[in-house]
C-alpha atoms as a PDB file:
ATOM      1  CA  MET A   1       9.315  -2.211   8.686  1.00  0.00           C
ATOM      2  CA  LYS A   2       8.891  -1.882   4.946  1.00  0.00           C
ATOM      3  CA  LEU A   3       8.563   1.522   3.289  1.00  0.00           C
ATOM      4  CA  ILE A   4       6.719   1.424  -0.012  1.00  0.00           C
ATOM      5  CA  ARG A   5       6.495   4.266  -2.506  1.00  0.00           C
ATOM      6  CA  ILE A   6       2.769   4.851  -3.014  1.00  0.00           C
ATOM      7  CA  ILE A   7       2.968   6.864  -6.247  1.00  0.00           C
ATOM      8  CA  ASP A   8       5.513   6.071  -8.943  1.00  0.00           C
ATOM      9  CA  ASP A   9       6.439   9.666  -9.801  1.00  0.00           C
ATOM     10  CA  ALA A  10       6.594  11.136  -6.278  1.00  0.00           C
ATOM     11  CA  ASN A  11       8.602  10.561  -3.126  1.00  0.00           C
ATOM     12  CA  ASN A  12       5.659   9.610  -0.916  1.00  0.00           C
ATOM     13  CA  TYR A  13       6.053   6.461   1.148  1.00  0.00           C
ATOM     14  CA  ILE A  14       3.990   4.468   3.630  1.00  0.00           C
ATOM     15  CA  ASN A  15       5.050   1.912   6.185  1.00  0.00           C
ATOM     16  CA  ALA A  16       3.466  -1.365   5.076  1.00  0.00           C
ATOM     17  CA  ASP A  17       3.309  -2.560   8.686  1.00  0.00           C
ATOM     18  CA  PHE A  18       0.626   0.068   9.423  1.00  0.00           C
ATOM     19  CA  LEU A  19      -1.745  -0.977   6.637  1.00  0.00           C
ATOM     20  CA  VAL A  20      -5.072  -2.476   7.597  1.00  0.00           C
ATOM     21  CA  ARG A  21      -6.760  -2.661   4.209  1.00  0.00           C
ATOM     22  CA  VAL A  22      -5.952  -2.532   0.492  1.00  0.00           C
ATOM     23  CA  TRP A  23      -8.533  -2.664  -2.257  1.00  0.00           C
ATOM     24  CA  ARG A  24      -9.273  -1.876  -5.850  1.00  0.00           C
ATOM     25  CA  GLU A  25     -12.279   0.145  -6.979  1.00  0.00           C
ATOM     26  CA  ASP A  26     -13.087   1.646 -10.402  1.00  0.00           C
ATOM     27  CA  ASN A  27      -9.624   0.711 -11.743  1.00  0.00           C
ATOM     28  CA  LYS A  28      -7.925   2.608  -8.897  1.00  0.00           C
ATOM     29  CA  GLN A  29      -6.006   1.147  -5.967  1.00  0.00           C
ATOM     30  CA  TYR A  30      -6.379   2.313  -2.374  1.00  0.00           C
ATOM     31  CA  CYS A  31      -4.922   1.550   1.025  1.00  0.00           C
ATOM     32  CA  GLN A  32      -6.018   2.420   4.526  1.00  0.00           C
ATOM     33  CA  LEU A  33      -3.704   2.892   7.494  1.00  0.00           C
ATOM     34  CA  VAL A  34      -4.393   2.073  11.145  1.00  0.00           C
ATOM     35  CA  THR A  35      -5.043   5.794  11.678  1.00  0.00           C
ATOM     36  CA  GLY A  36      -7.994   5.604   9.284  1.00  0.00           C
ATOM     37  CA  THR A  37      -6.238   7.632   6.588  1.00  0.00           C
ATOM     38  CA  THR A  38      -6.926   6.417   3.042  1.00  0.00           C
ATOM     39  CA  TYR A  39      -4.527   6.903   0.136  1.00  0.00           C
ATOM     40  CA  GLN A  40      -4.868   6.271  -3.558  1.00  0.00           C
ATOM     41  CA  ILE A  41      -1.830   4.250  -4.579  1.00  0.00           C
ATOM     42  CA  SER A  42      -0.241   3.090  -7.808  1.00  0.00           C
ATOM     43  CA  LYS A  43      -0.661  -0.387  -9.199  1.00  0.00           C
ATOM     44  CA  ASN A  44       3.031  -1.048  -8.525  1.00  0.00           C
ATOM     45  CA  ALA A  45       2.538  -0.077  -4.870  1.00  0.00           C
ATOM     46  CA  LEU A  46      -0.376  -2.486  -4.560  1.00  0.00           C
ATOM     47  CA  ILE A  47       1.748  -5.299  -5.993  1.00  0.00           C
ATOM     48  CA  LYS A  48       4.612  -4.510  -3.588  1.00  0.00           C
ATOM     49  CA  ILE A  49       2.228  -4.408  -0.626  1.00  0.00           C
ATOM     50  CA  LEU A  50       0.749  -7.783  -1.540  1.00  0.00           C
ATOM     51  CA  GLU A  51       4.220  -9.280  -2.035  1.00  0.00           C
ATOM     52  CA  TYR A  52       5.349  -7.934   1.338  1.00  0.00           C
ATOM     53  CA  ASP A  53       2.255  -9.373   2.999  1.00  0.00           C
ATOM     54  CA  LYS A  54       2.945 -12.734   1.396  1.00  0.00           C
ATOM     55  CA  GLU A  55       6.534 -12.692   2.716  1.00  0.00           C
ATOM     56  CA  THR A  56       5.580 -11.725   6.260  1.00  0.00           C
ATOM     57  CA  SER A  57       2.661 -14.171   6.455  1.00  0.00           C
ATOM     58  CA  LYS A  58       4.906 -17.235   6.105  1.00  0.00           C
END
């Protein structure tokens, strides 16, 4: 389990293990959870999610 802060200036976190999709559209980053919920996330969160995925995919 990896909790990632989704917005730099707030205490909102998501569990990276429940992500099914991340994407970038119109210079904004988004993620979608297994529940179907979509969140706009910070660029830092996107980078952390991709790094976590890279680590767990080995």
